[in-house]
Amino acid sequence: MDTPAPVYELGGRRFAAGEPGFAEAVAAAHAAHLRPRCLCRAEGIEVYVARCGDGFIVKRMPDTGSRHAPGCVSYEPPAEFSGLGQVLGSAIKEDPHTGTTTLKLDFPLTKIAGRSTVPPSGGDADSVATDGTRLSLRGLLHYLWDQAGLTRWQPGFAGKRSWGTVRRHLLQATENKLASDSPLRARLYVPEVFSVEQREAINARRLALWARAGAAGGKPQALMVLVGEVKEIVPARYGYKAVVKHVPEQGFAIDEQLFRRLERRFAGELSLWGTSDSLRLVMIATFGVSAAGVPSIERASPMLVTEQWLPVENSLEQRLIAELLGQGRKFVKGLRYNLGSSNPLACAVLTDLDQPVGLFLETRTGLDEADSSSRVRAAYGQQAWVWHPDDERMPPLPA
């Protein structure tokens, strides 16, 4: 069953999202600078109206996601245990007055001719070894996935998440987002669903977008941001190339230095992807376009996702998510953003209970186990489910 439409108080009247008169009431609230209230809780929770394209949308106020009811579309788990807490307010700054969100990135969106943007020796290819003041490349992908609602799941979504749906939500997630003082939407390339009949029109739109990242003599080259599903990464005549689904006629060049670093840094993810038919590999990358029209990747970071496009870090998370899907549960998938692998993180948060429950996997990763467990208990108390896969079988999930 799909999530019920949220109900808001606008100008002293109650509206369910999408009902007749709702769009006009939202537009009037925006014009009058009024703050609606989400009625998922009896006391109501203040939200705000932001412009989105030619219309308006209702958005939760910053840092209020965990105050909403678990079943509300505005609910999100406590930020400090999704990885979002480290970057919210510093790398990610929301302004309810203008409706814009400013993103600070720890990687460049321009390239000076003759200079490599690959991190120096010893650095991670995706710049995950960073603090919370700037988003790594992986952090940006996690943020877009969160904003697009692709970390949320309920049984009614089954069979409805195609690449076309994923693409539409990702593009919507970039509305009113600024990166490097320019709209992120203008820099983001998410491949259209390929169609033989529409091939010429699709290619024309792709080339028009890529023209922004073409080589410019004597000037810094603007870089695009790719988010797409990888079909394969194979040797090319010079170096390697990534073949992206829905872009069958054009490979993305990867030089050997970057390929070797990706191979070392993401050996586990690439190995799991290569041996599991039920996992997809999504990649975020910055790329420029040569004078010959060839896209060349500068930095890249992969992310494993299930057939439902739910992110997973390893085979243990894959097992847990499969169990949740099999039981028909509602949940929000946790993402690390810039957090290192030793930090405790809720793999998922169940949202089909009166009180949300965080699901934690605790393995021996070098972090003191007692310290890790105490941090989990401090965050969720009795609202934490913990699985120690090194020592026990998966315990029953909260009913």
Protein backbone atom coordinates (compact mmCIF):
# COMPACT_ATOMS: atom_id res chain seq x y z
CA MET A 1 0.00 0.00 0.00
CA ASP A 2 1.36 3.43 -0.94
CA THR A 3 2.07 6.09 1.67
CA PRO A 4 -1.02 8.28 2.36
CA ALA A 5 -0.77 11.83 1.07
CA PRO A 6 0.61 14.19 3.73
CA VAL A 7 -1.83 16.67 5.23
CA TYR A 8 -0.88 20.31 5.79
CA GLU A 9 -2.43 23.33 7.46
CA LEU A 10 -2.32 26.26 5.03
CA GLY A 11 -3.88 29.59 5.91
CA GLY A 12 -6.04 28.02 8.59
CA ARG A 13 -7.34 25.25 6.27
CA ARG A 14 -6.36 21.59 6.02
CA PHE A 15 -5.24 20.19 2.68
CA ALA A 16 -4.05 16.74 1.65
CA ALA A 17 -1.22 17.03 -0.86
CA GLY A 18 -2.60 16.83 -4.38
CA GLU A 19 -6.25 17.48 -3.57
CA PRO A 20 -8.16 20.23 -5.44
CA GLY A 21 -7.05 23.67 -4.26
CA PHE A 22 -3.79 22.42 -2.72
CA ALA A 23 -1.50 23.82 -5.43
CA GLU A 24 -3.18 27.23 -5.25
CA ALA A 25 -2.94 27.29 -1.45
CA VAL A 26 0.76 26.43 -1.59
CA ALA A 27 1.42 29.17 -4.16
CA ALA A 28 -0.47 31.68 -2.00
CA ALA A 29 1.55 30.64 1.07
CA HIS A 30 4.78 31.19 -0.88
CA ALA A 31 3.67 34.63 -2.04
CA ALA A 32 2.69 35.63 1.50
CA HIS A 33 5.83 34.10 3.06
CA LEU A 34 3.68 31.86 5.26
CA ARG A 35 4.93 28.64 6.85
CA PRO A 36 2.50 25.69 6.55
CA ARG A 37 2.36 23.00 9.21
CA CYS A 38 2.65 19.28 8.54
CA LEU A 39 -0.07 17.47 10.50
CA CYS A 40 1.63 14.07 10.76
CA ARG A 41 1.82 14.87 14.51
CA ALA A 42 -1.07 16.25 16.53
CA GLU A 43 0.83 19.44 17.40
CA GLY A 44 1.87 20.05 13.79
CA ILE A 45 5.42 20.64 12.56
CA GLU A 46 6.44 23.77 10.66
CA VAL A 47 7.52 23.30 7.03
CA TYR A 48 8.19 25.78 4.23
CA VAL A 49 7.34 26.33 0.57
CA ALA A 50 10.06 26.44 -2.11
CA ARG A 51 9.83 27.15 -5.82
CA CYS A 52 10.45 24.10 -8.01
CA GLY A 53 10.58 24.83 -11.74
CA ASP A 54 7.29 26.48 -12.66
CA GLY A 55 5.56 25.35 -9.46
CA PHE A 56 6.07 25.02 -5.71
CA ILE A 57 6.79 22.20 -3.29
CA VAL A 58 6.47 21.82 0.47
CA LYS A 59 9.75 20.95 2.22
CA ARG A 60 10.64 20.10 5.80
CA MET A 61 12.57 22.67 7.79
CA PRO A 62 16.27 21.93 8.29
CA ASP A 63 17.08 19.56 11.18
CA THR A 64 13.42 18.57 11.73
CA GLY A 65 13.22 15.29 9.80
CA SER A 66 13.34 13.06 12.88
CA ARG A 67 10.49 15.01 14.52
CA HIS A 68 8.01 13.88 11.85
CA ALA A 69 6.02 10.66 12.21
CA PRO A 70 7.86 7.61 10.81
CA GLY A 71 5.25 7.16 8.09
CA CYS A 72 5.43 10.79 6.94
CA VAL A 73 7.16 11.65 3.67
CA SER A 74 9.14 14.30 5.58
CA TYR A 75 10.51 11.83 8.11
CA GLU A 76 14.21 11.02 8.07
CA PRO A 77 16.31 9.18 10.67
CA PRO A 78 18.37 11.20 13.16
CA ALA A 79 21.02 12.84 11.00
CA GLU A 80 23.98 11.89 13.18
CA PHE A 81 23.52 8.19 12.43
CA SER A 82 23.00 8.38 8.70
CA GLY A 83 26.27 10.17 8.00
CA LEU A 84 24.24 13.28 7.21
CA GLY A 85 24.90 14.80 10.62
CA GLN A 86 28.60 15.27 9.89
CA VAL A 87 27.96 17.42 6.81
CA LEU A 88 24.61 19.11 7.51
CA GLY A 89 25.07 22.78 8.30
CA SER A 90 28.66 22.87 7.03
CA ALA A 91 29.00 21.10 3.67
CA ILE A 92 25.21 21.31 3.18
CA LYS A 93 23.51 24.59 4.06
CA GLU A 94 19.76 24.96 3.58
CA ASP A 95 18.16 28.41 3.46
CA PRO A 96 14.39 28.25 4.08
CA HIS A 97 14.06 31.95 3.18
CA THR A 98 15.24 31.47 -0.42
CA GLY A 99 14.52 27.75 -0.75
CA THR A 100 18.06 27.10 -1.96
CA THR A 101 20.64 24.63 -0.66
CA THR A 102 24.34 25.39 -1.04
CA LEU A 103 26.76 22.46 -1.33
CA LYS A 104 30.46 22.76 -0.60
CA LEU A 105 32.47 20.14 -2.48
CA ASP A 106 35.95 18.82 -1.76
CA PHE A 107 36.61 18.17 -5.45
CA PRO A 108 36.86 20.61 -8.37
CA LEU A 109 34.29 21.14 -11.09
CA THR A 110 36.88 22.71 -13.38
CA LYS A 111 40.17 21.51 -14.81
CA ILE A 112 43.16 23.51 -15.98
CA ALA A 113 44.62 22.12 -19.19
CA GLY A 114 47.67 19.93 -18.58
CA ARG A 115 46.95 19.36 -14.89
CA SER A 116 45.61 16.15 -13.41
CA THR A 117 42.72 16.31 -10.94
CA VAL A 118 43.42 12.80 -9.65
CA PRO A 119 44.23 12.97 -5.92
CA PRO A 120 47.93 12.72 -5.07
CA SER A 121 49.45 9.36 -4.20
CA GLY A 122 47.91 7.97 -1.03
CA GLY A 123 44.62 9.84 -1.43
CA ASP A 124 41.35 8.06 -2.03
CA ALA A 125 40.01 8.25 -5.55
CA ASP A 126 36.65 9.41 -4.19
CA SER A 127 38.10 11.70 -1.52
CA VAL A 128 36.24 9.90 1.25
CA ALA A 129 39.02 10.75 3.73
CA THR A 130 37.58 14.19 4.42
CA ASP A 131 35.98 16.06 7.29
CA GLY A 132 32.43 17.34 7.33
CA THR A 133 33.12 20.80 5.96
CA ARG A 134 32.96 19.66 2.32
CA LEU A 135 31.18 16.85 0.51
CA SER A 136 33.28 14.11 -1.00
CA LEU A 137 32.26 12.69 -4.35
CA ARG A 138 30.69 9.74 -2.54
CA GLY A 139 29.00 12.16 -0.13
CA LEU A 140 27.41 14.03 -3.05
CA LEU A 141 26.05 10.79 -4.51
CA HIS A 142 24.62 9.79 -1.12
CA TYR A 143 23.04 13.23 -0.70
CA LEU A 144 21.38 13.07 -4.13
CA TRP A 145 20.15 9.52 -3.45
CA ASP A 146 18.66 10.65 -0.13
CA GLN A 147 17.08 13.76 -1.60
CA ALA A 148 15.60 11.74 -4.45
CA GLY A 149 13.86 9.46 -1.93
CA LEU A 150 15.70 6.43 -3.30
CA THR A 151 16.74 5.35 0.21
CA ARG A 152 13.09 4.86 1.20
CA TRP A 153 11.22 1.62 0.68
CA GLN A 154 7.75 0.25 1.19
CA PRO A 155 6.04 -2.74 -0.44
CA GLY A 156 4.01 -0.50 -2.76
CA PHE A 157 7.20 0.51 -4.57
CA ALA A 158 7.82 -3.04 -5.84
CA GLY A 159 8.07 -3.12 -9.62
CA LYS A 160 7.80 0.67 -9.94
CA ARG A 161 11.47 1.72 -9.78
CA SER A 162 12.82 1.70 -13.30
CA TRP A 163 15.86 3.69 -14.42
CA GLY A 164 13.47 6.27 -15.82
CA THR A 165 11.96 6.74 -12.35
CA VAL A 166 15.39 6.91 -10.72
CA ARG A 167 16.55 9.49 -13.26
CA ARG A 168 13.47 11.67 -12.82
CA HIS A 169 13.84 11.75 -9.05
CA LEU A 170 17.57 12.47 -9.21
CA LEU A 171 17.00 15.44 -11.50
CA GLN A 172 14.22 16.72 -9.25
CA ALA A 173 16.62 16.41 -6.30
CA THR A 174 18.96 18.98 -7.88
CA GLU A 175 16.32 21.71 -7.99
CA ASN A 176 17.46 24.79 -6.05
CA LYS A 177 20.85 23.17 -5.27
CA LEU A 178 23.99 25.26 -5.79
CA ALA A 179 27.51 23.85 -6.13
CA SER A 180 30.58 25.96 -6.90
CA ASP A 181 28.26 28.99 -7.09
CA SER A 182 26.25 27.55 -9.99
CA PRO A 183 23.11 25.40 -10.31
CA LEU A 184 23.98 21.74 -9.82
CA ARG A 185 21.30 20.75 -12.34
CA ALA A 186 23.35 22.38 -15.12
CA ARG A 187 26.36 20.18 -14.27
CA LEU A 188 24.57 16.86 -13.73
CA TYR A 189 24.34 14.26 -16.47
CA VAL A 190 22.00 11.33 -15.78
CA PRO A 191 21.55 9.26 -18.96
CA GLU A 192 18.11 9.10 -20.50
CA VAL A 193 16.50 5.70 -20.98
CA PHE A 194 17.87 4.49 -24.31
CA SER A 195 15.43 4.00 -27.15
CA VAL A 196 16.35 2.99 -30.70
CA GLU A 197 13.45 5.02 -32.08
CA GLN A 198 14.53 8.14 -30.14
CA ARG A 199 18.29 7.62 -30.61
CA GLU A 200 18.95 10.76 -32.65
CA ALA A 201 16.97 13.05 -30.34
CA ILE A 202 18.56 11.56 -27.21
CA ASN A 203 22.06 11.93 -28.65
CA ALA A 204 21.36 15.53 -29.66
CA ARG A 205 20.26 16.42 -26.12
CA ARG A 206 23.28 14.62 -24.64
CA LEU A 207 25.75 16.44 -26.89
CA ALA A 208 24.10 19.79 -26.18
CA LEU A 209 24.53 19.20 -22.45
CA TRP A 210 28.10 17.96 -22.85
CA ALA A 211 29.02 21.09 -24.82
CA ARG A 212 29.29 22.83 -21.44
CA ALA A 213 32.24 20.55 -20.63
CA GLY A 214 34.05 20.93 -23.94
CA ALA A 215 37.73 21.90 -24.05
CA ALA A 216 38.20 25.70 -24.17
CA GLY A 217 41.56 26.97 -25.32
CA GLY A 218 43.47 28.72 -22.53
CA LYS A 219 40.56 28.62 -20.08
CA PRO A 220 39.75 26.20 -17.25
CA GLN A 221 37.55 23.41 -18.55
CA ALA A 222 34.19 22.97 -16.86
CA LEU A 223 33.54 19.44 -15.66
CA MET A 224 30.23 17.60 -15.68
CA VAL A 225 29.00 15.19 -13.00
CA LEU A 226 27.87 11.78 -14.23
CA VAL A 227 25.49 9.55 -12.27
CA GLY A 228 24.79 6.34 -14.13
CA GLU A 229 24.69 2.56 -13.96
CA VAL A 230 27.91 0.91 -15.11
CA LYS A 231 27.62 -1.98 -17.52
CA GLU A 232 31.32 -2.82 -17.56
CA ILE A 233 34.81 -1.36 -17.16
CA VAL A 234 37.11 -2.79 -19.80
CA PRO A 235 40.55 -2.16 -21.37
CA ALA A 236 40.55 0.32 -24.22
CA ARG A 237 43.15 1.15 -26.84
CA TYR A 238 44.61 3.68 -24.41
CA GLY A 239 43.90 2.91 -20.75
CA TYR A 240 40.38 1.80 -19.88
CA LYS A 241 36.79 2.80 -20.50
CA ALA A 242 33.56 2.63 -18.51
CA VAL A 243 30.53 1.54 -20.49
CA VAL A 244 27.42 3.15 -18.99
CA LYS A 245 23.98 1.66 -19.53
CA HIS A 246 21.72 3.76 -21.76
CA VAL A 247 24.80 5.32 -23.41
CA PRO A 248 25.76 2.34 -25.61
CA GLU A 249 27.49 4.31 -28.32
CA GLN A 250 29.99 6.23 -26.17
CA GLY A 251 32.45 4.91 -23.59
CA PHE A 252 33.91 7.09 -20.82
CA ALA A 253 37.71 7.09 -20.90
CA ILE A 254 39.60 6.24 -17.69
CA ASP A 255 43.38 6.60 -17.60
CA GLU A 256 45.41 3.77 -16.13
CA GLN A 257 46.45 5.69 -13.01
CA LEU A 258 42.85 6.36 -11.98
CA PHE A 259 41.78 2.82 -12.88
CA ARG A 260 44.45 1.30 -10.61
CA ARG A 261 43.39 3.51 -7.72
CA LEU A 262 39.74 2.63 -8.18
CA GLU A 263 40.71 -1.03 -8.34
CA ARG A 264 42.61 -0.80 -5.03
CA ARG A 265 40.22 1.48 -3.16
CA PHE A 266 37.03 -0.35 -4.16
CA ALA A 267 38.27 -3.91 -4.48
CA GLY A 268 35.49 -5.24 -2.22
CA GLU A 269 32.67 -3.46 -4.02
CA LEU A 270 33.95 -4.36 -7.48
CA SER A 271 34.44 -8.00 -6.48
CA LEU A 272 30.93 -8.28 -5.04
CA TRP A 273 29.43 -6.62 -8.12
CA GLY A 274 31.28 -9.03 -10.37
CA THR A 275 29.99 -12.10 -8.55
CA SER A 276 26.38 -11.12 -7.73
CA ASP A 277 23.77 -11.02 -10.46
CA SER A 278 21.34 -9.23 -8.14
CA LEU A 279 23.50 -6.13 -7.63
CA ARG A 280 23.94 -3.08 -9.84
CA LEU A 281 26.90 -0.68 -9.84
CA VAL A 282 26.06 3.02 -9.88
CA MET A 283 28.94 5.42 -10.46
CA ILE A 284 29.31 9.11 -9.81
CA ALA A 285 32.17 10.76 -11.68
CA THR A 286 33.40 14.11 -12.82
CA PHE A 287 34.30 14.24 -16.50
CA GLY A 288 35.39 16.59 -19.24
CA VAL A 289 34.90 16.28 -22.98
CA SER A 290 37.83 16.44 -25.40
CA ALA A 291 37.84 18.37 -28.66
CA ALA A 292 37.09 15.05 -30.37
CA GLY A 293 33.96 14.66 -28.24
CA VAL A 294 35.31 11.89 -25.99
CA PRO A 295 34.28 12.08 -22.30
CA SER A 296 37.21 11.48 -19.92
CA ILE A 297 36.63 10.70 -16.25
CA GLU A 298 38.67 12.73 -13.75
CA ARG A 299 37.39 11.29 -10.45
CA ALA A 300 34.96 8.51 -9.72
CA SER A 301 33.24 6.69 -6.88
CA PRO A 302 31.06 3.56 -7.24
CA MET A 303 28.05 2.54 -5.16
CA LEU A 304 26.45 -0.91 -5.03
CA VAL A 305 22.66 -1.00 -5.19
CA THR A 306 20.09 -3.79 -5.19
CA GLU A 307 17.66 -4.48 -8.00
CA GLN A 308 15.37 -1.97 -6.23
CA TRP A 309 18.15 0.68 -6.35
CA LEU A 310 18.68 0.50 -2.58
CA PRO A 311 22.36 1.12 -1.68
CA VAL A 312 24.34 -1.60 0.11
CA GLU A 313 27.97 -1.56 1.26
CA ASN A 314 28.69 -5.29 1.44
CA SER A 315 27.19 -8.78 1.37
CA LEU A 316 25.96 -8.50 5.00
CA GLU A 317 23.91 -5.42 4.20
CA GLN A 318 22.71 -7.18 1.07
CA ARG A 319 21.42 -10.06 3.23
CA LEU A 320 19.69 -7.73 5.68
CA ILE A 321 18.00 -5.69 2.95
CA ALA A 322 16.88 -8.89 1.23
CA GLU A 323 15.31 -10.01 4.53
CA LEU A 324 13.50 -6.68 4.91
CA LEU A 325 12.19 -6.87 1.36
CA GLY A 326 11.10 -10.47 1.85
CA GLN A 327 9.12 -9.53 4.97
CA GLY A 328 7.47 -6.59 3.24
CA ARG A 329 8.88 -4.00 5.67
CA LYS A 330 8.97 -0.20 5.38
CA PHE A 331 12.36 1.37 6.02
CA VAL A 332 14.90 4.05 5.20
CA LYS A 333 18.36 2.90 4.12
CA GLY A 334 21.26 4.57 5.97
CA LEU A 335 24.15 6.14 4.03
CA ARG A 336 27.64 7.12 5.17
CA TYR A 337 28.28 10.34 3.23
CA ASN A 338 31.81 11.24 4.44
CA LEU A 339 31.92 8.86 7.41
CA GLY A 340 34.66 6.24 7.55
CA SER A 341 33.87 2.54 7.78
CA SER A 342 34.72 2.38 11.52
CA ASN A 343 31.90 4.74 12.51
CA PRO A 344 28.64 3.12 13.73
CA LEU A 345 25.87 3.56 11.20
CA ALA A 346 22.28 2.38 11.08
CA CYS A 347 22.14 0.13 8.04
CA ALA A 348 18.42 0.90 7.89
CA VAL A 349 15.68 2.38 10.06
CA LEU A 350 12.32 0.64 10.25
CA THR A 351 9.45 3.08 9.76
CA ASP A 352 6.49 0.70 10.04
CA LEU A 353 6.51 0.76 13.86
CA ASP A 354 5.09 3.22 16.40
CA GLN A 355 8.69 4.23 17.14
CA PRO A 356 11.40 3.90 14.47
CA VAL A 357 14.03 1.23 15.14
CA GLY A 358 17.60 1.47 13.86
CA LEU A 359 19.15 -1.72 12.48
CA PHE A 360 22.88 -1.99 13.19
CA LEU A 361 25.49 -4.46 11.95
CA GLU A 362 28.44 -4.74 14.32
CA THR A 363 31.51 -6.44 12.92
CA ARG A 364 35.07 -6.47 14.18
CA THR A 365 36.56 -3.60 12.21
CA GLY A 366 39.17 -2.29 14.64
CA LEU A 367 36.69 -0.07 16.50
CA ASP A 368 36.42 -1.12 20.15
CA GLU A 369 33.27 -3.24 20.28
CA ALA A 370 32.17 -1.97 23.69
CA ASP A 371 32.58 1.64 22.56
CA SER A 372 30.63 0.97 19.38
CA SER A 373 27.79 -0.72 21.27
CA SER A 374 27.61 2.09 23.82
CA ARG A 375 27.32 4.69 21.07
CA VAL A 376 24.50 2.70 19.50
CA ARG A 377 22.67 2.44 22.83
CA ALA A 378 23.18 6.15 23.50
CA ALA A 379 21.61 7.01 20.15
CA TYR A 380 18.64 4.67 20.10
CA GLY A 381 18.37 3.10 23.57
CA GLN A 382 15.85 0.29 23.32
CA GLN A 383 15.01 1.39 19.79
CA ALA A 384 18.08 -0.36 18.38
CA TRP A 385 18.31 -3.80 16.80
CA VAL A 386 21.87 -5.10 16.69
CA TRP A 387 23.25 -8.03 14.72
CA HIS A 388 26.75 -9.34 15.42
CA PRO A 389 27.29 -11.40 12.25
CA ASP A 390 30.73 -12.53 13.45
CA ASP A 391 29.17 -14.31 16.42
CA GLU A 392 25.53 -15.09 15.71
CA ARG A 393 22.84 -15.71 13.14
CA MET A 394 20.56 -12.83 12.22
CA PRO A 395 18.21 -12.26 15.17
CA PRO A 396 14.46 -11.83 14.52
CA LEU A 397 13.52 -8.39 13.29
CA PRO A 398 11.15 -6.28 15.42
CA ALA A 399 7.59 -7.39 14.65
